[in-house]
């Protein structure tokens, strides 16, 4: 009899638990959680190498003297940068031509030009003809960035032959501006 009672109690307890769970029906609702991000156009200048003509210019030579510098930029994929180069600290008041100033002789200048690199490799061939300047068609357009990898773009410098200048050191500073 004791076994029958235990069995009945166990069955009753089980039924009570099952009916209690069934009595508490659950309800579910759902909604969507939107996940968003906006990636802004962005570029950084990671390095700049000087256009250094060194001691290569000789006023008595009949050929121009060339030197290359560079600017390295990295832009977010899809960013369309342009690069402007200022006229420097000593531009000609009439023509705007770039000029390096003598280190110790006031008014003594050495004219030079900066050109955009020709071709897709962004390197100088020393046959460039497109001036690299600060506005309009004179800015350099490397195209839309294909990824975050750095891109190095040569700055092609030229000093025309036959300038009647004094011996000594000449220098200028040009500001590079990346707009995107």
N, C-alpha and C. Protein backbone atom coordinates (compact mmCIF):
# COMPACT_ATOMS: atom_id res chain seq x y z
N UNK A 1 0.81 -1.17 0.00
CA UNK A 1 0.00 0.00 0.00
C UNK A 1 0.87 1.26 0.00
N UNK A 2 1.95 1.16 0.69
CA UNK A 2 2.85 2.28 0.75
C UNK A 2 3.41 2.61 -0.63
N UNK A 3 3.71 1.59 -1.42
CA UNK A 3 4.22 1.83 -2.77
C UNK A 3 3.17 2.48 -3.63
N UNK A 4 1.94 2.06 -3.49
CA UNK A 4 0.87 2.65 -4.28
C UNK A 4 0.66 4.10 -3.92
N UNK A 5 0.79 4.41 -2.62
CA UNK A 5 0.63 5.79 -2.18
C UNK A 5 1.76 6.67 -2.70
N UNK A 6 2.98 6.13 -2.66
CA UNK A 6 4.14 6.88 -3.17
C UNK A 6 3.98 7.14 -4.66
N UNK A 7 3.50 6.13 -5.37
CA UNK A 7 3.31 6.27 -6.80
C UNK A 7 2.24 7.31 -7.11
N UNK A 8 1.19 7.32 -6.34
CA UNK A 8 0.10 8.27 -6.54
C UNK A 8 0.58 9.68 -6.23
N UNK A 9 1.35 9.82 -5.14
CA UNK A 9 1.87 11.14 -4.78
C UNK A 9 2.85 11.66 -5.85
N UNK A 10 3.67 10.79 -6.36
CA UNK A 10 4.63 11.19 -7.39
C UNK A 10 3.90 11.61 -8.65
N UNK A 11 2.87 10.88 -9.01
CA UNK A 11 2.11 11.22 -10.20
C UNK A 11 1.39 12.54 -10.00
N UNK A 12 0.82 12.71 -8.82
CA UNK A 12 0.11 13.96 -8.53
C UNK A 12 1.07 15.15 -8.55
N UNK A 13 2.27 14.97 -8.00
CA UNK A 13 3.26 16.05 -7.99
C UNK A 13 3.69 16.40 -9.41
N UNK A 14 3.88 15.37 -10.21
CA UNK A 14 4.27 15.59 -11.59
C UNK A 14 3.18 16.31 -12.35
N UNK A 15 1.94 15.91 -12.18
CA UNK A 15 0.82 16.58 -12.84
C UNK A 15 0.68 18.02 -12.38
N UNK A 16 0.95 18.28 -11.09
CA UNK A 16 0.86 19.65 -10.56
C UNK A 16 1.92 20.53 -11.20
N UNK A 17 3.12 19.99 -11.32
CA UNK A 17 4.19 20.77 -11.96
C UNK A 17 3.88 21.03 -13.42
N UNK A 18 3.40 20.03 -14.12
CA UNK A 18 3.09 20.20 -15.54
C UNK A 18 1.93 21.17 -15.74
N UNK A 19 0.93 21.07 -14.90
CA UNK A 19 -0.21 21.97 -15.08
C UNK A 19 0.16 23.39 -14.68
N UNK A 20 1.05 23.53 -13.71
CA UNK A 20 1.49 24.86 -13.31
C UNK A 20 2.25 25.53 -14.46
N UNK A 21 3.12 24.80 -15.14
CA UNK A 21 3.85 25.33 -16.30
C UNK A 21 2.91 25.66 -17.43
N UNK A 22 1.90 24.86 -17.64
CA UNK A 22 0.95 25.10 -18.72
C UNK A 22 0.07 26.30 -18.40
N UNK A 23 -0.16 26.52 -17.12
CA UNK A 23 -1.02 27.63 -16.74
C UNK A 23 -0.31 28.96 -16.98
N UNK A 24 1.01 28.95 -16.94
CA UNK A 24 1.74 30.18 -17.18
C UNK A 24 2.24 30.19 -18.62
N UNK A 25 1.42 30.54 -19.52
CA UNK A 25 1.79 30.59 -20.93
C UNK A 25 2.71 31.79 -21.14
N UNK A 26 3.76 31.67 -22.00
CA UNK A 26 4.68 32.77 -22.27
C UNK A 26 4.33 33.43 -23.59
N UNK A 27 4.64 34.72 -23.67
CA UNK A 27 4.41 35.48 -24.88
C UNK A 27 5.75 36.07 -25.31
N UNK A 28 6.04 36.08 -26.60
CA UNK A 28 7.27 36.64 -27.14
C UNK A 28 6.93 37.77 -28.10
N UNK A 29 7.76 38.79 -28.08
CA UNK A 29 7.66 39.86 -29.08
C UNK A 29 9.06 40.09 -29.64
N UNK A 30 9.14 40.59 -30.85
CA UNK A 30 10.44 40.84 -31.47
C UNK A 30 10.45 42.24 -32.08
N UNK A 31 11.62 42.73 -32.26
CA UNK A 31 11.81 44.00 -32.96
C UNK A 31 13.21 43.95 -33.57
N UNK A 32 13.48 44.85 -34.47
CA UNK A 32 14.75 44.89 -35.17
C UNK A 32 15.67 45.91 -34.50
N UNK A 33 16.93 45.54 -34.32
CA UNK A 33 17.95 46.45 -33.83
C UNK A 33 18.81 46.82 -35.03
N UNK A 34 18.78 48.09 -35.43
CA UNK A 34 19.58 48.55 -36.56
C UNK A 34 21.00 48.82 -36.09
N UNK A 35 21.96 48.38 -36.87
CA UNK A 35 23.38 48.61 -36.61
C UNK A 35 23.89 49.47 -37.75
N UNK A 36 24.44 50.64 -37.46
CA UNK A 36 24.88 51.55 -38.52
C UNK A 36 26.26 52.11 -38.23
N UNK A 37 26.91 52.54 -39.26
CA UNK A 37 28.17 53.27 -39.15
C UNK A 37 28.30 54.15 -40.38
N UNK A 38 28.89 55.29 -40.22
CA UNK A 38 29.18 56.18 -41.34
C UNK A 38 30.68 56.42 -41.36
N UNK A 39 31.29 56.12 -42.48
CA UNK A 39 32.73 56.32 -42.64
C UNK A 39 32.93 57.61 -43.43
N UNK A 40 33.57 58.56 -42.81
CA UNK A 40 33.81 59.85 -43.46
C UNK A 40 35.05 59.78 -44.36
N UNK A 41 35.03 60.57 -45.40
CA UNK A 41 36.22 60.71 -46.24
C UNK A 41 37.35 61.23 -45.37
N UNK A 42 38.53 60.67 -45.55
CA UNK A 42 39.65 61.07 -44.70
C UNK A 42 40.97 60.73 -45.38
N UNK A 43 41.94 61.59 -45.18
CA UNK A 43 43.30 61.37 -45.67
C UNK A 43 44.29 61.85 -44.62
N UNK A 44 45.50 61.33 -44.70
CA UNK A 44 46.59 61.78 -43.84
C UNK A 44 47.86 61.86 -44.69
N UNK A 45 48.68 62.84 -44.39
CA UNK A 45 50.02 62.93 -45.00
C UNK A 45 50.95 62.18 -44.06
N UNK A 46 51.57 61.12 -44.57
CA UNK A 46 52.44 60.33 -43.70
C UNK A 46 53.91 60.73 -43.82
N UNK A 47 54.30 61.29 -44.96
CA UNK A 47 55.68 61.77 -45.09
C UNK A 47 55.80 62.71 -46.28
N UNK A 48 56.83 63.55 -46.21
CA UNK A 48 57.16 64.47 -47.29
C UNK A 48 58.68 64.43 -47.45
N UNK A 49 59.14 64.26 -48.68
CA UNK A 49 60.58 64.28 -48.96
C UNK A 49 60.91 65.55 -49.75
N UNK A 50 61.95 66.23 -49.35
CA UNK A 50 62.34 67.50 -49.96
C UNK A 50 62.75 67.34 -51.43
N UNK A 51 62.50 68.39 -52.18
CA UNK A 51 63.06 68.49 -53.54
C UNK A 51 64.43 69.15 -53.33
N UNK A 52 65.48 68.35 -53.41
CA UNK A 52 66.82 68.83 -53.08
C UNK A 52 67.69 68.80 -54.34
N UNK A 53 67.94 69.98 -54.88
CA UNK A 53 68.78 70.10 -56.07
C UNK A 53 70.26 69.93 -55.72
N UNK A 54 70.57 70.00 -54.44
CA UNK A 54 71.95 69.82 -53.99
C UNK A 54 72.89 70.80 -54.66
N UNK A 55 74.05 70.32 -55.09
CA UNK A 55 75.05 71.16 -55.76
C UNK A 55 75.04 70.92 -57.27
N UNK A 56 73.93 70.39 -57.78
CA UNK A 56 73.86 70.01 -59.19
C UNK A 56 73.64 71.17 -60.15
N UNK A 57 73.18 72.31 -59.66
CA UNK A 57 72.91 73.41 -60.59
C UNK A 57 74.18 74.21 -60.87
N UNK A 58 74.46 74.38 -62.14
CA UNK A 58 75.59 75.19 -62.58
C UNK A 58 75.05 76.19 -63.60
N UNK A 59 75.08 77.48 -63.28
CA UNK A 59 74.51 78.48 -64.19
C UNK A 59 75.10 78.48 -65.59
N UNK A 60 76.30 77.96 -65.75
CA UNK A 60 76.91 77.96 -67.09
C UNK A 60 76.48 76.77 -67.94
N UNK A 61 75.80 75.78 -67.34
CA UNK A 61 75.29 74.65 -68.13
C UNK A 61 74.15 75.09 -69.02
N UNK A 62 74.01 74.42 -70.14
CA UNK A 62 72.92 74.76 -71.07
C UNK A 62 71.69 73.86 -70.86
N UNK A 63 71.76 72.95 -69.91
CA UNK A 63 70.63 72.05 -69.63
C UNK A 63 70.00 72.39 -68.29
N UNK A 64 68.74 72.13 -68.19
CA UNK A 64 68.04 72.31 -66.92
C UNK A 64 68.53 71.28 -65.90
N UNK A 65 68.32 71.58 -64.63
CA UNK A 65 68.67 70.67 -63.54
C UNK A 65 67.37 70.17 -62.91
N UNK A 66 67.31 68.86 -62.65
CA UNK A 66 66.09 68.24 -62.11
C UNK A 66 66.36 67.63 -60.75
N UNK A 67 65.34 67.62 -59.93
CA UNK A 67 65.38 66.93 -58.63
C UNK A 67 63.95 66.53 -58.29
N UNK A 68 63.82 65.42 -57.60
CA UNK A 68 62.50 64.91 -57.23
C UNK A 68 62.34 64.88 -55.72
N UNK A 69 61.17 65.24 -55.28
CA UNK A 69 60.76 65.07 -53.90
C UNK A 69 59.53 64.19 -53.92
N UNK A 70 58.83 64.09 -52.81
CA UNK A 70 57.60 63.30 -52.81
C UNK A 70 56.72 63.66 -51.63
N UNK A 71 55.46 63.26 -51.76
CA UNK A 71 54.50 63.35 -50.67
C UNK A 71 53.79 61.99 -50.62
N UNK A 72 53.68 61.45 -49.42
CA UNK A 72 53.01 60.16 -49.25
C UNK A 72 51.74 60.39 -48.45
N UNK A 73 50.62 59.94 -49.04
CA UNK A 73 49.33 60.10 -48.38
C UNK A 73 48.64 58.74 -48.25
N UNK A 74 47.76 58.65 -47.29
CA UNK A 74 46.90 57.47 -47.13
C UNK A 74 45.48 57.99 -46.95
N UNK A 75 44.55 57.47 -47.76
CA UNK A 75 43.16 57.91 -47.71
C UNK A 75 42.24 56.71 -47.54
N UNK A 76 41.12 56.94 -46.89
CA UNK A 76 40.10 55.92 -46.74
C UNK A 76 39.55 55.57 -48.12
N UNK A 77 39.31 54.29 -48.36
CA UNK A 77 38.80 53.82 -49.65
C UNK A 77 37.58 54.66 -50.06
N UNK A 78 37.57 55.11 -51.31
CA UNK A 78 36.46 55.91 -51.83
C UNK A 78 36.67 57.40 -51.68
N UNK A 79 37.70 57.82 -50.93
CA UNK A 79 38.00 59.24 -50.77
C UNK A 79 38.67 59.76 -52.04
N UNK A 80 38.29 60.95 -52.48
CA UNK A 80 38.89 61.53 -53.69
C UNK A 80 39.70 62.77 -53.28
N UNK A 81 41.01 62.58 -53.05
CA UNK A 81 41.84 63.70 -52.64
C UNK A 81 42.36 64.51 -53.83
N UNK A 82 42.71 65.74 -53.56
CA UNK A 82 43.52 66.55 -54.47
C UNK A 82 44.65 67.14 -53.63
N UNK A 83 45.78 67.41 -54.29
CA UNK A 83 46.94 67.92 -53.57
C UNK A 83 47.38 69.23 -54.21
N UNK A 84 47.45 70.26 -53.39
CA UNK A 84 47.89 71.58 -53.85
C UNK A 84 49.26 71.89 -53.27
N UNK A 85 50.07 72.59 -54.04
CA UNK A 85 51.37 73.07 -53.57
C UNK A 85 51.37 74.60 -53.67
N UNK A 86 51.68 75.26 -52.58
CA UNK A 86 51.67 76.73 -52.56
C UNK A 86 52.78 77.30 -53.45
N UNK A 87 52.76 78.60 -53.60
CA UNK A 87 53.78 79.30 -54.41
C UNK A 87 55.09 79.46 -53.68
N UNK A 88 55.15 79.09 -52.42
CA UNK A 88 56.37 79.23 -51.65
C UNK A 88 56.46 80.59 -50.99
N UNK A 89 57.60 80.84 -50.37
CA UNK A 89 57.80 82.08 -49.61
C UNK A 89 58.30 83.25 -50.44
N UNK A 90 58.75 82.99 -51.67
CA UNK A 90 59.40 84.05 -52.46
C UNK A 90 58.88 84.14 -53.89
N UNK A 91 57.56 84.05 -54.12
CA UNK A 91 57.10 84.06 -55.51
C UNK A 91 57.36 85.41 -56.17
N UNK A 92 57.57 85.36 -57.47
CA UNK A 92 57.75 86.59 -58.25
C UNK A 92 56.46 87.41 -58.15
N UNK A 93 56.60 88.69 -57.89
CA UNK A 93 55.43 89.56 -57.70
C UNK A 93 54.59 89.70 -58.96
N UNK A 94 55.20 89.56 -60.12
CA UNK A 94 54.47 89.74 -61.38
C UNK A 94 53.96 88.41 -61.93
N UNK A 95 54.85 87.44 -62.05
CA UNK A 95 54.48 86.17 -62.69
C UNK A 95 53.99 85.11 -61.70
N UNK A 96 54.34 85.24 -60.41
CA UNK A 96 53.98 84.23 -59.43
C UNK A 96 54.92 83.03 -59.43
N UNK A 97 55.95 83.08 -60.28
CA UNK A 97 56.90 81.96 -60.37
C UNK A 97 57.58 81.72 -59.03
N UNK A 98 57.82 80.45 -58.74
CA UNK A 98 58.50 80.09 -57.50
C UNK A 98 59.97 80.47 -57.58
N UNK A 99 60.51 80.90 -56.42
CA UNK A 99 61.91 81.28 -56.36
C UNK A 99 62.49 80.92 -55.00
N UNK A 100 63.71 80.41 -55.03
CA UNK A 100 64.46 80.18 -53.80
C UNK A 100 65.25 81.44 -53.49
N UNK A 101 65.31 81.80 -52.22
CA UNK A 101 66.06 82.99 -51.80
C UNK A 101 67.46 82.58 -51.35
N UNK A 102 68.43 83.43 -51.65
CA UNK A 102 69.81 83.22 -51.21
C UNK A 102 69.85 83.34 -49.69
N UNK A 103 70.70 82.52 -49.06
CA UNK A 103 70.77 82.48 -47.60
C UNK A 103 71.28 83.78 -46.99
N UNK A 104 72.14 84.53 -47.72
CA UNK A 104 72.73 85.72 -47.10
C UNK A 104 72.72 86.97 -47.98
N UNK A 105 72.28 86.88 -49.22
CA UNK A 105 72.24 88.06 -50.10
C UNK A 105 70.78 88.42 -50.34
N UNK A 106 70.34 89.50 -49.74
CA UNK A 106 68.95 89.92 -49.87
C UNK A 106 68.62 90.22 -51.34
N UNK A 107 67.48 89.73 -51.79
CA UNK A 107 67.03 89.99 -53.15
C UNK A 107 67.58 89.03 -54.20
N UNK A 108 68.56 88.22 -53.84
CA UNK A 108 69.14 87.24 -54.78
C UNK A 108 68.25 85.99 -54.76
N UNK A 109 67.72 85.63 -55.93
CA UNK A 109 66.80 84.49 -56.01
C UNK A 109 67.17 83.57 -57.16
N UNK A 110 66.77 82.31 -57.02
CA UNK A 110 66.97 81.29 -58.04
C UNK A 110 65.60 80.71 -58.37
N UNK A 111 65.13 80.94 -59.59
CA UNK A 111 63.80 80.48 -60.00
C UNK A 111 63.80 78.97 -60.19
N UNK A 112 62.67 78.35 -59.86
CA UNK A 112 62.51 76.92 -60.06
C UNK A 112 61.04 76.64 -60.34
N UNK A 113 60.76 75.45 -60.83
CA UNK A 113 59.38 75.04 -61.12
C UNK A 113 59.12 73.68 -60.49
N UNK A 114 57.85 73.46 -60.14
CA UNK A 114 57.41 72.15 -59.66
C UNK A 114 56.33 71.65 -60.60
N UNK A 115 56.44 70.39 -61.00
CA UNK A 115 55.52 69.81 -61.95
C UNK A 115 54.84 68.58 -61.37
N UNK A 116 53.63 68.32 -61.87
CA UNK A 116 52.91 67.10 -61.52
C UNK A 116 53.57 65.93 -62.24
N UNK A 117 53.64 64.76 -61.59
CA UNK A 117 54.21 63.60 -62.28
C UNK A 117 53.28 63.13 -63.39
N UNK A 118 53.87 62.64 -64.45
CA UNK A 118 53.08 62.15 -65.59
C UNK A 118 52.87 60.64 -65.43
N UNK A 119 51.72 60.17 -65.83
CA UNK A 119 51.46 58.73 -65.82
C UNK A 119 50.90 58.21 -64.52
N UNK A 120 50.47 56.97 -64.54
CA UNK A 120 49.79 56.35 -63.41
C UNK A 120 50.73 55.99 -62.27
N UNK A 121 52.03 55.89 -62.51
CA UNK A 121 52.97 55.49 -61.46
C UNK A 121 53.32 56.64 -60.53
N UNK A 122 52.89 57.85 -60.84
CA UNK A 122 53.15 59.04 -60.02
C UNK A 122 54.64 59.31 -59.83
N UNK A 123 55.45 58.98 -60.83
CA UNK A 123 56.89 59.24 -60.73
C UNK A 123 57.30 60.23 -61.82
N UNK A 124 58.47 60.84 -61.63
CA UNK A 124 58.95 61.88 -62.55
C UNK A 124 59.73 61.28 -63.71
N UNK A 125 59.49 61.83 -64.89
CA UNK A 125 60.25 61.44 -66.08
C UNK A 125 61.18 62.57 -66.52
N UNK A 126 61.05 63.73 -65.91
CA UNK A 126 61.79 64.95 -66.22
C UNK A 126 61.45 65.50 -67.60
N UNK A 127 60.26 65.13 -68.06
CA UNK A 127 59.70 65.72 -69.28
C UNK A 127 58.33 66.33 -68.98
N UNK A 128 58.00 66.45 -67.69
CA UNK A 128 56.70 66.96 -67.28
C UNK A 128 56.51 68.40 -67.75
N UNK A 129 55.27 68.72 -68.06
CA UNK A 129 54.94 70.07 -68.52
C UNK A 129 53.80 70.71 -67.74
N UNK A 130 53.09 69.92 -66.92
CA UNK A 130 51.96 70.47 -66.15
C UNK A 130 52.45 71.00 -64.81
N UNK A 131 52.37 72.32 -64.65
CA UNK A 131 52.79 72.95 -63.40
C UNK A 131 51.92 72.45 -62.25
N UNK A 132 52.52 72.30 -61.08
CA UNK A 132 51.80 71.87 -59.88
C UNK A 132 51.65 73.10 -59.00
N UNK A 133 50.42 73.52 -58.82
CA UNK A 133 50.17 74.74 -58.06
C UNK A 133 49.12 74.57 -56.98
N UNK A 134 48.51 75.70 -56.63
CA UNK A 134 47.64 75.75 -55.45
C UNK A 134 46.15 75.80 -55.75
N UNK A 135 45.76 75.95 -57.01
CA UNK A 135 44.33 76.05 -57.27
C UNK A 135 43.98 75.61 -58.69
N UNK A 136 42.68 75.41 -58.89
CA UNK A 136 42.17 75.08 -60.22
C UNK A 136 42.81 73.86 -60.83
N UNK A 137 43.14 73.96 -62.09
CA UNK A 137 43.74 72.84 -62.82
C UNK A 137 45.18 72.56 -62.42
N UNK A 138 45.77 73.45 -61.61
CA UNK A 138 47.15 73.25 -61.18
C UNK A 138 47.30 72.29 -60.01
N UNK A 139 46.19 71.92 -59.34
CA UNK A 139 46.30 70.94 -58.25
C UNK A 139 46.43 69.54 -58.85
N UNK A 140 47.03 68.65 -58.10
CA UNK A 140 47.21 67.27 -58.57
C UNK A 140 46.05 66.41 -58.10
N UNK A 141 45.52 65.61 -59.01
CA UNK A 141 44.39 64.73 -58.71
C UNK A 141 44.84 63.28 -58.92
N UNK A 142 45.14 62.56 -57.83
CA UNK A 142 45.58 61.17 -57.98
C UNK A 142 44.43 60.19 -58.21
N UNK A 143 43.20 60.67 -58.18
CA UNK A 143 42.04 59.79 -58.36
C UNK A 143 41.51 59.28 -57.04
N UNK A 144 40.45 58.50 -57.11
CA UNK A 144 39.79 57.98 -55.92
C UNK A 144 40.65 56.89 -55.28
N UNK A 145 40.80 56.96 -53.97
CA UNK A 145 41.60 55.98 -53.24
C UNK A 145 40.95 54.61 -53.32
N UNK A 146 41.75 53.61 -53.67
CA UNK A 146 41.24 52.25 -53.77
C UNK A 146 41.33 51.49 -52.46
N UNK A 147 41.97 52.07 -51.47
CA UNK A 147 42.12 51.42 -50.18
C UNK A 147 42.99 52.27 -49.28
N UNK A 148 43.20 51.82 -48.07
CA UNK A 148 43.92 52.61 -47.07
C UNK A 148 45.43 52.59 -47.25
N UNK A 149 45.94 51.83 -48.18
CA UNK A 149 47.39 51.76 -48.40
C UNK A 149 47.94 53.13 -48.78
N UNK A 150 49.16 53.40 -48.34
CA UNK A 150 49.82 54.67 -48.65
C UNK A 150 50.15 54.76 -50.13
N UNK A 151 50.08 55.97 -50.65
CA UNK A 151 50.43 56.25 -52.03
C UNK A 151 51.49 57.35 -52.03
N UNK A 152 52.61 57.09 -52.69
CA UNK A 152 53.67 58.08 -52.79
C UNK A 152 53.60 58.74 -54.15
N UNK A 153 53.58 60.07 -54.13
CA UNK A 153 53.46 60.86 -55.36
C UNK A 153 54.70 61.73 -55.47
N UNK A 154 55.40 61.62 -56.58
CA UNK A 154 56.61 62.41 -56.78
C UNK A 154 56.28 63.87 -57.06
N UNK A 155 57.15 64.74 -56.56
CA UNK A 155 57.10 66.17 -56.86
C UNK A 155 58.30 66.42 -57.76
N UNK A 156 58.04 66.82 -59.00
CA UNK A 156 59.08 66.93 -60.02
C UNK A 156 59.60 68.37 -60.09
N UNK A 157 60.85 68.56 -59.66
CA UNK A 157 61.43 69.89 -59.62
C UNK A 157 62.38 70.15 -60.78
N UNK A 158 62.43 71.42 -61.19
CA UNK A 158 63.29 71.80 -62.32
C UNK A 158 63.82 73.22 -62.11
N UNK A 159 65.12 73.40 -62.34
CA UNK A 159 65.72 74.73 -62.39
C UNK A 159 66.15 74.94 -63.84
N UNK A 160 65.62 75.99 -64.45
CA UNK A 160 65.99 76.28 -65.84
C UNK A 160 67.45 76.70 -65.92
N UNK A 161 68.07 76.37 -67.03
CA UNK A 161 69.48 76.69 -67.26
C UNK A 161 69.68 78.19 -67.46
N UNK A 162 70.92 78.63 -67.23
CA UNK A 162 71.33 79.97 -67.61
C UNK A 162 70.91 81.09 -66.68
N UNK A 163 70.54 80.81 -65.45
CA UNK A 163 70.18 81.89 -64.52
C UNK A 163 71.47 82.51 -63.96
N UNK A 164 71.57 83.80 -64.01
CA UNK A 164 72.77 84.52 -63.56
C UNK A 164 72.63 84.80 -62.06
N UNK A 165 73.12 83.84 -61.26
CA UNK A 165 72.96 83.93 -59.80
C UNK A 165 74.31 83.81 -59.10
N UNK A 166 74.35 84.28 -57.88
CA UNK A 166 75.57 84.23 -57.06
C UNK A 166 75.75 82.85 -56.44
N UNK A 167 77.00 82.53 -56.08
CA UNK A 167 77.27 81.29 -55.36
C UNK A 167 76.62 81.36 -53.99
N UNK A 168 76.38 80.19 -53.39
CA UNK A 168 75.81 80.14 -52.05
C UNK A 168 74.59 79.23 -52.01
N UNK A 169 73.98 79.20 -50.86
CA UNK A 169 72.81 78.34 -50.63
C UNK A 169 71.52 79.10 -50.88
N UNK A 170 70.57 78.41 -51.48
CA UNK A 170 69.24 78.96 -51.77
C UNK A 170 68.20 78.00 -51.21
N UNK A 171 67.09 78.55 -50.75
CA UNK A 171 66.03 77.68 -50.25
C UNK A 171 64.66 78.36 -50.34
N UNK A 172 63.65 77.55 -50.24
CA UNK A 172 62.27 78.00 -50.22
C UNK A 172 61.47 76.95 -49.45
N UNK A 173 60.27 77.29 -49.05
CA UNK A 173 59.35 76.34 -48.43
C UNK A 173 58.02 76.45 -49.13
N UNK A 174 57.48 75.28 -49.49
CA UNK A 174 56.19 75.17 -50.16
C UNK A 174 55.26 74.38 -49.24
N UNK A 175 54.03 74.82 -49.12
CA UNK A 175 53.05 74.11 -48.29
C UNK A 175 52.26 73.15 -49.17
N UNK A 176 52.22 71.90 -48.74
CA UNK A 176 51.39 70.89 -49.43
C UNK A 176 50.07 70.78 -48.68
N UNK A 177 48.96 70.87 -49.42
CA UNK A 177 47.62 70.80 -48.82
C UNK A 177 46.84 69.69 -49.52
N UNK A 178 46.37 68.71 -48.74
CA UNK A 178 45.54 67.64 -49.27
C UNK A 178 44.09 67.97 -48.92
N UNK A 179 43.25 68.06 -49.96
CA UNK A 179 41.84 68.35 -49.78
C UNK A 179 41.04 67.12 -50.20
N UNK A 180 39.98 66.79 -49.45
CA UNK A 180 39.20 65.61 -49.77
C UNK A 180 37.75 65.85 -49.43
